[in-house]
Amino acid sequence: MHRKTWMEINLDMIGDNIRKLKEICGKKVVAVLKANAYGCGDRQVMQAVLAGGADMIAVSSVDEALMIRQEGYEGPVLILGSADPEDIPVMIEHDISAAAFSAEWVQEAVLKGCRGLRVHMKVDTGMNRIGFKDNNELKKAFVLLKDAGCVMEGIFTHFCCADTDMEMTDSQYSRFASAVKALDYPFEWIHCDNSDATVFFRDDLSNACRVGISLYGISTYEKTLKYPVALYSEISMVKQVGKGETIGYGATYTAEEDMWVGTVPIGYADGFIRANQGRKVYVDGHLCEVCGRVCMDQMMIRLPEKLSPGTTVEIFGPHISVEDMADELHTIPYEIFCLISPRVTRKYIRHGVISEEDNIRLVQTGIL
């Protein structure tokens, strides 16, 4: 690692979280590894979830599914989002399951030729994103695909308020149950639960749960999951700033007294956005304020005393939870993870030690 900003991802903890969630729900588990496993590394996280007992991998697009295949995974893989019917031959060749989500998509798929394509029917029960809202339209699409030779593998929906609104979740489930009953088909995969619903929602219809953010310990209801991800940097320079001096672009911070300031090589190009100005990071037992505007590659923090360059700075981790950071930024942990750019080195912990480092830029230059 050359640039002193990095993530640590404990793969053993991710495996433990899968085991715990599978024990809680008592069903098959689909591990959702969209967006490079929420920025944590699809290959490494895939290995961890499979070791923990995941039964299927879900992604968002054809290219993500192909990456999973190239990384050696031969088990079931489902594209949760919209896949271009033009890519059906590729999906068939690589045994990738697609979501059938609209009459237009189904008609185009049949025209392109879809014999052998594995399909999960997507039901819209209130999210109003993709999926069939009308059971009659759903049945027509199902028959078209089945008659065209598709493998009718599954049916699913997505809860939009499982973390906040039980009444809405119950309503969505009722609509989903109606759709499943309307098709009256022995699907291998019937799934509606997301991470939060996996923990609290119980039904006799579905046989699988989809878990994404809870792989990383984030759950509204289950507080025994482990937090495997942390983000760190180091102080690169320490200087004394006099009372009345300003710090950073726009001179938005003025020292009210003489103070020690540390410069840290992390900025908005790393995913540490400008809205972090005024928040705290954890340094040597202290919470230290981010002083002035966050730069593209660096930021400045107020230190309690003169510290040495090389002192570790925790952005989130054991002392600052990613959930608290998200709350302070008025967002969600998903976005915090996904914002962390590829130039931030990922360090992977297995059996208590760092076993691998991954940085796409260093790989491309042949350094790693």
Protein backbone atom coordinates (compact mmCIF):
# COMPACT_ATOMS: atom_id res chain seq x y z
CA MET A 1 0.00 0.00 0.00
CA HIS A 2 1.44 3.39 -0.99
CA ARG A 3 -1.24 5.95 -0.15
CA LYS A 4 -2.01 5.85 3.56
CA THR A 5 -5.79 5.58 3.32
CA TRP A 6 -7.40 2.17 3.50
CA MET A 7 -10.44 0.05 4.34
CA GLU A 8 -10.26 -3.04 6.50
CA ILE A 9 -12.77 -5.80 5.75
CA ASN A 10 -12.97 -8.74 8.13
CA LEU A 11 -14.13 -11.66 6.00
CA ASP A 12 -14.50 -13.98 8.99
CA MET A 13 -17.08 -11.61 10.47
CA ILE A 14 -19.01 -11.51 7.18
CA GLY A 15 -19.15 -15.31 7.20
CA ASP A 16 -20.35 -15.25 10.80
CA ASN A 17 -23.09 -12.76 9.89
CA ILE A 18 -24.34 -15.04 7.09
CA ARG A 19 -24.47 -17.99 9.49
CA LYS A 20 -26.37 -15.94 12.05
CA LEU A 21 -28.90 -14.65 9.53
CA LYS A 22 -29.44 -18.11 8.08
CA GLU A 23 -30.05 -19.45 11.57
CA ILE A 24 -32.55 -16.66 12.29
CA CYS A 25 -34.64 -17.06 9.13
CA GLY A 26 -34.35 -20.83 8.70
CA LYS A 27 -34.43 -20.49 4.90
CA LYS A 28 -32.08 -20.40 1.94
CA VAL A 29 -30.04 -17.20 1.83
CA VAL A 30 -29.33 -15.06 -1.22
CA ALA A 31 -26.27 -12.86 -0.67
CA VAL A 32 -26.66 -9.55 -2.50
CA LEU A 33 -23.26 -8.42 -3.80
CA LYS A 34 -24.33 -5.48 -5.95
CA ALA A 35 -21.90 -2.66 -6.75
CA ASN A 36 -18.75 -4.67 -6.05
CA ALA A 37 -20.29 -6.00 -2.84
CA TYR A 38 -21.20 -2.48 -1.71
CA GLY A 39 -17.66 -1.38 -2.47
CA CYS A 40 -16.07 -4.08 -0.30
CA GLY A 41 -14.83 -6.36 -3.10
CA ASP A 42 -17.10 -8.87 -4.80
CA ARG A 43 -14.50 -11.67 -5.10
CA GLN A 44 -13.41 -11.56 -1.48
CA VAL A 45 -16.90 -11.04 -0.02
CA MET A 46 -18.25 -13.80 -2.29
CA GLN A 47 -15.74 -16.23 -0.82
CA ALA A 48 -16.77 -15.19 2.69
CA VAL A 49 -20.53 -15.53 2.15
CA LEU A 50 -20.15 -18.90 0.45
CA ALA A 51 -18.04 -20.13 3.35
CA GLY A 52 -20.82 -18.88 5.62
CA GLY A 53 -23.47 -20.89 3.78
CA ALA A 54 -25.00 -18.55 1.17
CA ASP A 55 -27.10 -20.46 -1.37
CA MET A 56 -27.20 -17.90 -4.20
CA ILE A 57 -25.46 -14.69 -5.25
CA ALA A 58 -27.53 -11.72 -6.48
CA VAL A 59 -26.17 -8.75 -8.43
CA SER A 60 -27.61 -5.76 -10.26
CA SER A 61 -26.53 -6.24 -13.87
CA VAL A 62 -25.14 -8.57 -16.52
CA ASP A 63 -21.62 -7.20 -16.19
CA GLU A 64 -21.63 -7.83 -12.44
CA ALA A 65 -22.89 -11.38 -13.01
CA LEU A 66 -20.14 -12.03 -15.54
CA MET A 67 -17.54 -10.77 -13.08
CA ILE A 68 -18.85 -13.24 -10.51
CA ARG A 69 -18.57 -16.03 -13.06
CA GLN A 70 -15.04 -14.97 -14.05
CA GLU A 71 -14.07 -15.12 -10.40
CA GLY A 72 -14.93 -18.80 -10.36
CA TYR A 73 -18.43 -18.96 -8.92
CA GLU A 74 -20.48 -21.74 -10.55
CA GLY A 75 -23.61 -21.65 -8.38
CA PRO A 76 -26.90 -19.79 -8.87
CA VAL A 77 -26.56 -16.10 -9.72
CA LEU A 78 -29.52 -13.73 -10.20
CA ILE A 79 -29.67 -10.28 -11.77
CA LEU A 80 -32.08 -8.28 -9.61
CA GLY A 81 -32.32 -5.30 -11.95
CA SER A 82 -33.15 -4.88 -15.61
CA ALA A 83 -31.07 -6.86 -18.11
CA ASP A 84 -31.12 -5.94 -21.79
CA PRO A 85 -32.84 -8.69 -23.83
CA GLU A 86 -29.94 -8.29 -26.27
CA ASP A 87 -27.81 -9.98 -23.61
CA ILE A 88 -30.00 -13.09 -23.31
CA PRO A 89 -27.54 -15.29 -25.27
CA VAL A 90 -24.79 -14.26 -22.83
CA MET A 91 -27.00 -15.01 -19.82
CA ILE A 92 -27.91 -18.42 -21.20
CA GLU A 93 -24.29 -19.25 -22.01
CA HIS A 94 -23.14 -18.37 -18.49
CA ASP A 95 -26.21 -19.79 -16.70
CA ILE A 96 -27.28 -16.41 -15.28
CA SER A 97 -30.85 -15.91 -14.05
CA ALA A 98 -32.75 -12.81 -15.17
CA ALA A 99 -35.63 -10.85 -13.66
CA ALA A 100 -38.73 -10.67 -15.88
CA PHE A 101 -40.23 -7.34 -14.84
CA SER A 102 -42.54 -5.98 -17.57
CA ALA A 103 -44.73 -7.06 -20.49
CA GLU A 104 -42.46 -5.17 -22.88
CA TRP A 105 -39.37 -6.94 -21.60
CA VAL A 106 -41.03 -10.33 -21.91
CA GLN A 107 -42.23 -9.67 -25.45
CA GLU A 108 -38.76 -8.61 -26.55
CA ALA A 109 -37.16 -11.59 -24.80
CA VAL A 110 -39.48 -14.01 -26.61
CA LEU A 111 -38.74 -12.34 -29.96
CA LYS A 112 -34.99 -12.56 -29.34
CA GLY A 113 -35.25 -16.23 -28.41
CA CYS A 114 -34.98 -17.14 -24.74
CA ARG A 115 -35.12 -20.96 -24.60
CA GLY A 116 -33.05 -22.11 -21.66
CA LEU A 117 -32.98 -18.73 -19.90
CA ARG A 118 -33.50 -18.97 -16.16
CA VAL A 119 -36.17 -16.48 -15.05
CA HIS A 120 -37.43 -15.01 -11.79
CA MET A 121 -40.75 -13.17 -12.16
CA LYS A 122 -40.56 -9.76 -10.48
CA VAL A 123 -43.72 -8.56 -8.74
CA ASP A 124 -44.20 -4.87 -7.87
CA THR A 125 -46.08 -4.79 -4.57
CA GLY A 126 -45.67 -1.11 -3.81
CA MET A 127 -42.07 -0.11 -4.45
CA ASN A 128 -43.04 1.20 -7.91
CA ARG A 129 -39.59 0.58 -9.30
CA ILE A 130 -39.70 -2.46 -11.63
CA GLY A 131 -42.07 -5.42 -11.70
CA PHE A 132 -45.60 -6.51 -12.60
CA LYS A 133 -48.39 -4.80 -10.66
CA ASP A 134 -51.32 -6.64 -12.25
CA ASN A 135 -51.74 -10.38 -11.70
CA ASN A 136 -53.38 -10.93 -15.09
CA GLU A 137 -50.48 -9.26 -16.86
CA LEU A 138 -48.10 -11.30 -14.72
CA LYS A 139 -49.84 -14.56 -15.72
CA LYS A 140 -49.73 -13.70 -19.43
CA ALA A 141 -46.04 -12.94 -19.22
CA PHE A 142 -45.37 -16.13 -17.28
CA VAL A 143 -47.13 -18.25 -19.91
CA LEU A 144 -45.26 -16.54 -22.76
CA LEU A 145 -41.90 -17.20 -21.16
CA LYS A 146 -42.73 -20.76 -20.17
CA ASP A 147 -44.01 -21.58 -23.67
CA ALA A 148 -40.85 -20.03 -25.12
CA GLY A 149 -38.77 -22.58 -23.21
CA CYS A 150 -37.54 -20.50 -20.28
CA VAL A 151 -36.72 -22.18 -16.99
CA MET A 152 -39.24 -20.63 -14.60
CA GLU A 153 -36.98 -20.67 -11.61
CA GLY A 154 -38.34 -18.09 -9.20
CA ILE A 155 -40.63 -15.25 -8.20
CA PHE A 156 -39.83 -12.30 -5.96
CA THR A 157 -40.72 -8.84 -4.73
CA HIS A 158 -38.96 -6.18 -2.66
CA PHE A 159 -40.16 -4.62 0.59
CA CYS A 160 -39.69 -0.84 0.66
CA CYS A 161 -40.32 -0.09 4.35
CA ALA A 162 -39.19 -3.17 6.28
CA ASP A 163 -37.15 -0.93 8.59
CA THR A 164 -39.94 1.52 9.40
CA ASP A 165 -43.48 0.46 8.48
CA MET A 166 -44.86 -2.94 9.44
CA GLU A 167 -48.29 -2.17 8.02
CA MET A 168 -46.81 -1.43 4.61
CA THR A 169 -44.71 -4.59 4.77
CA ASP A 170 -47.77 -6.70 5.60
CA SER A 171 -49.64 -5.08 2.70
CA GLN A 172 -46.81 -5.81 0.28
CA TYR A 173 -46.63 -9.40 1.43
CA SER A 174 -50.38 -9.86 0.88
CA ARG A 175 -50.01 -8.62 -2.70
CA PHE A 176 -47.04 -10.91 -3.25
CA ALA A 177 -48.90 -13.93 -1.86
CA SER A 178 -51.76 -13.14 -4.22
CA ALA A 179 -49.38 -13.09 -7.19
CA VAL A 180 -47.73 -16.37 -6.22
CA LYS A 181 -51.14 -17.98 -5.77
CA ALA A 182 -52.29 -16.65 -9.17
CA LEU A 183 -49.41 -18.40 -10.94
CA ASP A 184 -49.79 -21.63 -8.94
CA TYR A 185 -46.37 -22.92 -9.97
CA PRO A 186 -43.75 -24.86 -7.97
CA PHE A 187 -41.00 -22.24 -8.06
CA GLU A 188 -37.62 -23.31 -6.73
CA TRP A 189 -37.00 -19.79 -5.38
CA ILE A 190 -39.69 -17.65 -3.72
CA HIS A 191 -38.21 -14.59 -2.03
CA CYS A 192 -39.44 -11.29 -0.64
CA ASP A 193 -37.40 -10.56 2.49
CA ASN A 194 -34.59 -8.01 2.43
CA SER A 195 -32.02 -7.67 5.22
CA ASP A 196 -34.37 -6.29 7.89
CA ALA A 197 -37.30 -8.52 6.94
CA THR A 198 -34.97 -11.53 7.13
CA VAL A 199 -34.72 -10.90 10.85
CA PHE A 200 -38.32 -10.16 11.84
CA PHE A 201 -40.73 -11.22 9.07
CA ARG A 202 -42.12 -14.74 9.19
CA ASP A 203 -44.23 -16.43 6.52
CA ASP A 204 -44.94 -19.91 5.17
CA LEU A 205 -44.78 -18.92 1.51
CA SER A 206 -41.21 -17.81 0.79
CA ASN A 207 -38.28 -20.20 0.95
CA ALA A 208 -35.37 -17.77 0.64
CA CYS A 209 -34.23 -14.42 2.05
CA ARG A 210 -32.03 -11.78 0.41
CA VAL A 211 -29.39 -10.18 2.60
CA GLY A 212 -27.23 -7.24 1.56
CA ILE A 213 -26.39 -4.52 4.06
CA SER A 214 -26.74 -6.92 7.00
CA LEU A 215 -23.66 -8.77 5.69
CA TYR A 216 -21.83 -5.79 7.16
CA GLY A 217 -23.62 -5.82 10.53
CA ILE A 218 -26.18 -3.14 9.68
CA SER A 219 -29.62 -4.11 10.97
CA THR A 220 -32.56 -2.25 12.47
CA TYR A 221 -33.56 -5.23 14.57
CA GLU A 222 -30.63 -7.64 15.06
CA LYS A 223 -27.87 -6.13 17.19
CA THR A 224 -25.70 -9.25 17.58
CA LEU A 225 -24.31 -9.02 14.03
CA LYS A 226 -20.67 -8.06 13.71
CA TYR A 227 -19.26 -4.92 12.06
CA PRO A 228 -16.57 -6.13 9.64
CA VAL A 229 -15.73 -2.88 7.82
CA ALA A 230 -13.63 0.09 8.92
CA LEU A 231 -12.06 3.06 7.13
CA TYR A 232 -8.72 4.53 8.17
CA SER A 233 -6.09 7.07 7.16
CA GLU A 234 -2.96 8.56 8.75
CA ILE A 235 -1.76 12.00 9.70
CA SER A 236 0.70 13.15 7.04
CA MET A 237 1.70 16.50 8.56
CA VAL A 238 1.24 18.37 11.85
CA LYS A 239 1.53 22.13 12.24
CA GLN A 240 0.59 24.82 14.72
CA VAL A 241 -1.99 27.35 13.58
CA GLY A 242 -2.20 30.68 15.35
CA LYS A 243 -5.30 32.33 16.71
CA GLY A 244 -7.12 34.16 13.91
CA GLU A 245 -5.62 32.12 11.07
CA THR A 246 -7.95 30.36 8.65
CA ILE A 247 -7.90 26.80 7.35
CA GLY A 248 -8.81 25.38 3.96
CA TYR A 249 -10.58 26.50 0.81
CA GLY A 250 -12.84 29.50 1.25
CA ALA A 251 -11.27 30.24 4.64
CA THR A 252 -14.40 28.83 6.28
CA TYR A 253 -12.67 27.88 9.55
CA THR A 254 -10.95 30.43 11.80
CA ALA A 255 -8.82 29.35 14.75
CA GLU A 256 -10.22 30.83 17.95
CA GLU A 257 -6.95 30.08 19.72
CA ASP A 258 -3.53 28.66 18.96
CA MET A 259 -4.07 25.01 17.97
CA TRP A 260 -2.44 21.93 16.48
CA VAL A 261 -3.73 20.83 13.08
CA GLY A 262 -3.14 17.52 11.33
CA THR A 263 -3.41 17.03 7.59
CA VAL A 264 -4.85 13.66 6.53
CA PRO A 265 -4.65 12.18 2.99
CA ILE A 266 -8.34 11.49 2.46
CA GLY A 267 -10.82 13.68 0.59
CA TYR A 268 -13.94 13.75 -1.49
CA ALA A 269 -12.23 11.85 -4.33
CA ASP A 270 -11.97 8.97 -1.85
CA GLY A 271 -15.65 9.24 -0.92
CA PHE A 272 -15.09 11.38 2.17
CA ILE A 273 -17.47 14.08 0.98
CA ARG A 274 -17.38 17.79 1.77
CA ALA A 275 -20.42 17.44 4.05
CA ASN A 276 -18.02 15.90 6.61
CA GLN A 277 -16.79 19.39 7.52
CA GLY A 278 -17.39 19.86 11.24
CA ARG A 279 -17.81 16.15 11.96
CA LYS A 280 -15.40 14.20 14.14
CA VAL A 281 -12.85 11.47 13.43
CA TYR A 282 -11.12 9.30 16.05
CA VAL A 283 -7.41 9.86 16.69
CA ASP A 284 -5.31 8.47 19.54
CA GLY A 285 -8.23 8.26 21.97
CA HIS A 286 -9.76 11.59 20.99
CA LEU A 287 -12.60 12.76 18.74
CA CYS A 288 -11.10 15.39 16.46
CA GLU A 289 -13.03 17.94 14.42
CA VAL A 290 -12.67 18.20 10.64
CA CYS A 291 -11.56 21.82 10.22
CA GLY A 292 -12.55 23.70 7.10
CA ARG A 293 -13.63 22.30 3.78
CA VAL A 294 -12.68 18.77 2.80
CA CYS A 295 -10.35 18.89 -0.21
CA MET A 296 -10.25 16.46 -3.12
CA ASP A 297 -7.36 14.43 -1.67
CA GLN A 298 -6.83 15.75 1.85
CA MET A 299 -8.55 17.18 4.88
CA MET A 300 -7.45 18.90 8.07
CA ILE A 301 -8.35 18.02 11.66
CA ARG A 302 -7.97 19.80 14.99
CA LEU A 303 -5.67 17.82 17.28
CA PRO A 304 -5.79 17.81 21.10
CA GLU A 305 -2.00 18.15 21.18
CA LYS A 306 1.01 17.76 18.95
CA LEU A 307 0.88 14.26 17.49
CA SER A 308 3.33 12.51 15.21
CA PRO A 309 2.85 12.04 11.46
CA GLY A 310 1.82 8.44 10.88
CA THR A 311 -0.74 8.44 13.69
CA THR A 312 -3.79 6.43 12.62
CA VAL A 313 -7.06 8.27 11.95
CA GLU A 314 -10.31 6.28 12.15
CA ILE A 315 -13.03 7.61 9.85
CA PHE A 316 -15.46 4.89 10.91
CA GLY A 317 -14.84 1.63 12.70
CA PRO A 318 -14.67 0.45 16.32
CA HIS A 319 -15.08 3.95 17.82
CA ILE A 320 -17.31 5.68 15.22
CA SER A 321 -20.00 3.47 13.73
CA VAL A 322 -20.87 3.83 10.07
CA GLU A 323 -24.49 4.13 11.18
CA ASP A 324 -23.68 7.20 13.29
CA MET A 325 -21.67 8.67 10.44
CA ALA A 326 -24.61 8.11 8.06
CA ASP A 327 -27.04 9.73 10.50
CA GLU A 328 -24.83 12.80 10.83
CA LEU A 329 -24.59 13.07 7.04
CA HIS A 330 -28.36 12.54 6.64
CA THR A 331 -27.87 9.44 4.52
CA ILE A 332 -27.63 5.65 4.96
CA PRO A 333 -24.69 3.24 5.50
CA TYR A 334 -25.18 1.82 1.98
CA GLU A 335 -24.18 5.17 0.50
CA ILE A 336 -21.20 5.59 2.81
CA PHE A 337 -19.80 2.22 1.68
CA CYS A 338 -20.54 2.75 -2.01
CA LEU A 339 -18.95 6.20 -2.05
CA ILE A 340 -15.52 4.89 -1.04
CA SER A 341 -13.56 5.07 -4.27
CA PRO A 342 -11.46 2.32 -5.88
CA ARG A 343 -8.24 4.19 -5.16
CA VAL A 344 -8.69 3.42 -1.45
CA THR A 345 -6.83 0.18 -0.73
CA ARG A 346 -8.91 -2.67 0.67
CA LYS A 347 -7.19 -4.82 3.31
CA TYR A 348 -8.80 -8.21 3.93
CA ILE A 349 -8.64 -9.93 7.29
CA ARG A 350 -8.84 -13.72 7.47
CA HIS A 351 -8.23 -15.69 10.67
CA GLY A 352 -7.26 -12.53 12.50
CA VAL A 353 -4.53 -11.33 10.13
CA ILE A 354 -4.41 -9.22 6.98
CA SER A 355 -4.18 -11.82 4.24
CA GLU A 356 -4.63 -9.67 1.13
CA GLU A 357 -4.52 -6.11 -0.12
CA ASP A 358 -6.46 -4.97 -3.18
CA ASN A 359 -6.23 -1.69 -5.05
CA ILE A 360 -7.38 -1.58 -8.66
CA ARG A 361 -4.89 1.12 -9.61
CA LEU A 362 -1.93 -0.79 -8.20
CA VAL A 363 -3.14 -3.99 -9.91
CA GLN A 364 -3.43 -2.17 -13.25
CA THR A 365 0.13 -0.82 -12.92
CA GLY A 366 1.49 -4.25 -11.98
CA ILE A 367 2.53 -3.19 -8.47
CA LEU A 368 0.11 -5.58 -6.71
